[in-house]
Amino acid sequence: MEALTGRDAQEALASRGDDLAIHDLVTRAERAVLARSLALNGVYLPHPLFRWQRHLIGGLDLVPERLAPRLRWLWTSGSAQALEEAEALLAETVLLAQTHTDANIGSFSEHLAQRR
């Protein structure tokens, strides 16, 4: 899954002020984290728009620490910081999956490791 572009592309987008592209990347990362968090918790996505987001997150046991406020922060922080935080959330979600399931997420984990 390619939720975020490479680090060089992120830095270029941020330096140019390409806010629309950055918002698109952050949105894709947010959707990936939420979808995988729901899957980790065995919760069916009740609506494709992730309606009642805070309610959904509040009922989940396996999520990155402080997920709801961190997702909200993505939209109030600067562009470069939002991309870094989105990447951190993706990495933490992968770690949760590795720790609590026997899912084979090797290629996604390797992809994240190469980006650092």
C-alpha atoms as a PDB file:
ATOM      1  CA  MET A   1       0.000   0.000   0.000  1.00  0.00           C
ATOM      2  CA  GLU A   2       1.404   3.356  -0.989  1.00  0.00           C
ATOM      3  CA  ALA A   3      -0.196   5.754   1.489  1.00  0.00           C
ATOM      4  CA  LEU A   4       2.631   8.295   1.371  1.00  0.00           C
ATOM      5  CA  THR A   5       5.209   9.176  -1.244  1.00  0.00           C
ATOM      6  CA  GLY A   6       8.932   8.945  -0.504  1.00  0.00           C
ATOM      7  CA  ARG A   7      10.646  11.310   1.907  1.00  0.00           C
ATOM      8  CA  ASP A   8      12.184  13.381  -0.928  1.00  0.00           C
ATOM      9  CA  ALA A   9       8.785  13.919  -2.516  1.00  0.00           C
ATOM     10  CA  GLN A  10       7.297  14.911   0.834  1.00  0.00           C
ATOM     11  CA  GLU A  11      10.019  17.483   1.417  1.00  0.00           C
ATOM     12  CA  ALA A  12       9.568  18.881  -2.095  1.00  0.00           C
ATOM     13  CA  LEU A  13       5.807  19.201  -1.633  1.00  0.00           C
ATOM     14  CA  ALA A  14       6.274  20.958   1.701  1.00  0.00           C
ATOM     15  CA  SER A  15       8.974  23.319   0.417  1.00  0.00           C
ATOM     16  CA  ARG A  16       6.815  24.344  -2.547  1.00  0.00           C
ATOM     17  CA  GLY A  17       3.725  24.773  -0.419  1.00  0.00           C
ATOM     18  CA  ASP A  18       1.770  22.196  -2.417  1.00  0.00           C
ATOM     19  CA  ASP A  19      -0.975  22.085   0.181  1.00  0.00           C
ATOM     20  CA  LEU A  20      -3.522  20.216  -1.937  1.00  0.00           C
ATOM     21  CA  ALA A  21      -1.068  17.391  -2.632  1.00  0.00           C
ATOM     22  CA  ILE A  22      -0.061  17.295   1.031  1.00  0.00           C
ATOM     23  CA  HIS A  23      -3.693  17.168   2.163  1.00  0.00           C
ATOM     24  CA  ASP A  24      -4.258  14.290  -0.259  1.00  0.00           C
ATOM     25  CA  LEU A  25      -1.318  12.346   1.201  1.00  0.00           C
ATOM     26  CA  VAL A  26      -2.407  13.037   4.775  1.00  0.00           C
ATOM     27  CA  THR A  27      -5.971  11.967   3.968  1.00  0.00           C
ATOM     28  CA  ARG A  28      -4.756   8.699   2.420  1.00  0.00           C
ATOM     29  CA  ALA A  29      -2.569   7.997   5.450  1.00  0.00           C
ATOM     30  CA  GLU A  30      -5.416   8.801   7.849  1.00  0.00           C
ATOM     31  CA  ARG A  31      -7.806   6.483   5.982  1.00  0.00           C
ATOM     32  CA  ALA A  32      -5.158   3.719   5.973  1.00  0.00           C
ATOM     33  CA  VAL A  33      -4.576   4.039   9.730  1.00  0.00           C
ATOM     34  CA  LEU A  34      -8.305   4.061  10.505  1.00  0.00           C
ATOM     35  CA  ALA A  35      -9.118   1.152   8.187  1.00  0.00           C
ATOM     36  CA  ARG A  36      -6.316  -0.986   9.579  1.00  0.00           C
ATOM     37  CA  SER A  37      -7.181  -0.054  13.164  1.00  0.00           C
ATOM     38  CA  LEU A  38     -10.765  -1.166  12.565  1.00  0.00           C
ATOM     39  CA  ALA A  39      -9.495  -4.419  11.037  1.00  0.00           C
ATOM     40  CA  LEU A  40      -7.149  -5.042  13.990  1.00  0.00           C
ATOM     41  CA  ASN A  41     -10.119  -4.690  16.307  1.00  0.00           C
ATOM     42  CA  GLY A  42     -12.468  -6.806  14.193  1.00  0.00           C
ATOM     43  CA  VAL A  43     -14.809  -3.880  13.604  1.00  0.00           C
ATOM     44  CA  TYR A  44     -16.766  -3.522  10.385  1.00  0.00           C
ATOM     45  CA  LEU A  45     -16.573  -0.067   8.777  1.00  0.00           C
ATOM     46  CA  PRO A  46     -20.165   1.125   9.089  1.00  0.00           C
ATOM     47  CA  HIS A  47     -19.823   3.930   6.525  1.00  0.00           C
ATOM     48  CA  PRO A  48     -17.164   4.517   3.836  1.00  0.00           C
ATOM     49  CA  LEU A  49     -16.777   8.153   4.903  1.00  0.00           C
ATOM     50  CA  PHE A  50     -15.646   7.159   8.414  1.00  0.00           C
ATOM     51  CA  ARG A  51     -18.589   9.022   9.896  1.00  0.00           C
ATOM     52  CA  TRP A  52     -18.640   9.303  13.702  1.00  0.00           C
ATOM     53  CA  GLN A  53     -14.861   9.027  13.642  1.00  0.00           C
ATOM     54  CA  ARG A  54     -14.285   9.854  17.307  1.00  0.00           C
ATOM     55  CA  HIS A  55     -17.010   7.411  18.369  1.00  0.00           C
ATOM     56  CA  LEU A  56     -15.453   4.664  16.221  1.00  0.00           C
ATOM     57  CA  ILE A  57     -11.960   5.280  17.586  1.00  0.00           C
ATOM     58  CA  GLY A  58     -13.225   5.465  21.170  1.00  0.00           C
ATOM     59  CA  GLY A  59     -14.537   1.906  20.933  1.00  0.00           C
ATOM     60  CA  LEU A  60     -11.260   0.398  19.727  1.00  0.00           C
ATOM     61  CA  ASP A  61      -8.723  -1.270  21.994  1.00  0.00           C
ATOM     62  CA  LEU A  62      -5.832  -1.632  19.535  1.00  0.00           C
ATOM     63  CA  VAL A  63      -4.923   1.776  18.110  1.00  0.00           C
ATOM     64  CA  PRO A  64      -1.851   3.987  18.089  1.00  0.00           C
ATOM     65  CA  GLU A  65      -1.558   5.998  21.289  1.00  0.00           C
ATOM     66  CA  ARG A  66      -3.761   9.119  21.395  1.00  0.00           C
ATOM     67  CA  LEU A  67      -5.085   8.370  17.901  1.00  0.00           C
ATOM     68  CA  ALA A  68      -8.074  10.742  17.861  1.00  0.00           C
ATOM     69  CA  PRO A  69      -6.183  13.878  18.954  1.00  0.00           C
ATOM     70  CA  ARG A  70      -3.273  13.032  16.687  1.00  0.00           C
ATOM     71  CA  LEU A  71      -5.577  12.691  13.675  1.00  0.00           C
ATOM     72  CA  ARG A  72      -7.141  16.039  14.534  1.00  0.00           C
ATOM     73  CA  TRP A  73      -3.668  17.557  14.878  1.00  0.00           C
ATOM     74  CA  LEU A  74      -2.856  16.499  11.295  1.00  0.00           C
ATOM     75  CA  TRP A  75      -5.192  19.245  10.070  1.00  0.00           C
ATOM     76  CA  THR A  76      -3.957  21.986  12.370  1.00  0.00           C
ATOM     77  CA  SER A  77      -0.213  21.461  12.097  1.00  0.00           C
ATOM     78  CA  GLY A  78       2.105  22.660   9.392  1.00  0.00           C
ATOM     79  CA  SER A  79       2.366  20.635   6.222  1.00  0.00           C
ATOM     80  CA  ALA A  80       5.774  19.076   6.859  1.00  0.00           C
ATOM     81  CA  GLN A  81       4.818  18.186  10.431  1.00  0.00           C
ATOM     82  CA  ALA A  82       1.541  16.636   9.269  1.00  0.00           C
ATOM     83  CA  LEU A  83       3.391  14.369   6.858  1.00  0.00           C
ATOM     84  CA  GLU A  84       5.819  13.292   9.576  1.00  0.00           C
ATOM     85  CA  GLU A  85       2.988  12.571  12.001  1.00  0.00           C
ATOM     86  CA  ALA A  86       1.028  10.658   9.344  1.00  0.00           C
ATOM     87  CA  GLU A  87       4.090   8.515   8.702  1.00  0.00           C
ATOM     88  CA  ALA A  88       4.507   7.911  12.438  1.00  0.00           C
ATOM     89  CA  LEU A  89       0.872   6.821  12.733  1.00  0.00           C
ATOM     90  CA  LEU A  90       1.304   4.404   9.834  1.00  0.00           C
ATOM     91  CA  ALA A  91       4.431   2.921  11.428  1.00  0.00           C
ATOM     92  CA  GLU A  92       2.707   2.528  14.810  1.00  0.00           C
ATOM     93  CA  THR A  93      -0.257   0.832  13.144  1.00  0.00           C
ATOM     94  CA  VAL A  94       2.093  -1.639  11.446  1.00  0.00           C
ATOM     95  CA  LEU A  95       3.767  -2.320  14.796  1.00  0.00           C
ATOM     96  CA  LEU A  96       0.371  -3.020  16.384  1.00  0.00           C
ATOM     97  CA  ALA A  97      -0.475  -5.438  13.582  1.00  0.00           C
ATOM     98  CA  GLN A  98       2.856  -7.219  13.973  1.00  0.00           C
ATOM     99  CA  THR A  99       2.475  -7.424  17.744  1.00  0.00           C
ATOM    100  CA  HIS A 100      -1.152  -8.525  17.949  1.00  0.00           C
ATOM    101  CA  THR A 101      -1.764 -10.602  14.814  1.00  0.00           C
ATOM    102  CA  ASP A 102      -0.072 -13.122  12.614  1.00  0.00           C
ATOM    103  CA  ALA A 103      -0.835 -11.038   9.517  1.00  0.00           C
ATOM    104  CA  ASN A 104       1.893 -10.975   6.888  1.00  0.00           C
ATOM    105  CA  ILE A 105       2.606  -7.281   6.450  1.00  0.00           C
ATOM    106  CA  GLY A 106       6.263  -7.700   5.579  1.00  0.00           C
ATOM    107  CA  SER A 107       6.245  -5.728   2.333  1.00  0.00           C
ATOM    108  CA  PHE A 108       4.482  -2.782   3.953  1.00  0.00           C
ATOM    109  CA  SER A 109       6.879  -2.867   6.924  1.00  0.00           C
ATOM    110  CA  GLU A 110       9.856  -2.966   4.586  1.00  0.00           C
ATOM    111  CA  HIS A 111       8.433  -0.052   2.615  1.00  0.00           C
ATOM    112  CA  LEU A 112       8.163   2.048   5.790  1.00  0.00           C
ATOM    113  CA  ALA A 113      11.656   1.052   6.920  1.00  0.00           C
ATOM    114  CA  GLN A 114      13.171   2.108   3.586  1.00  0.00           C
ATOM    115  CA  ARG A 115      11.618   5.557   3.917  1.00  0.00           C
ATOM    116  CA  ARG A 116      13.488   6.332   7.153  1.00  0.00           C
END
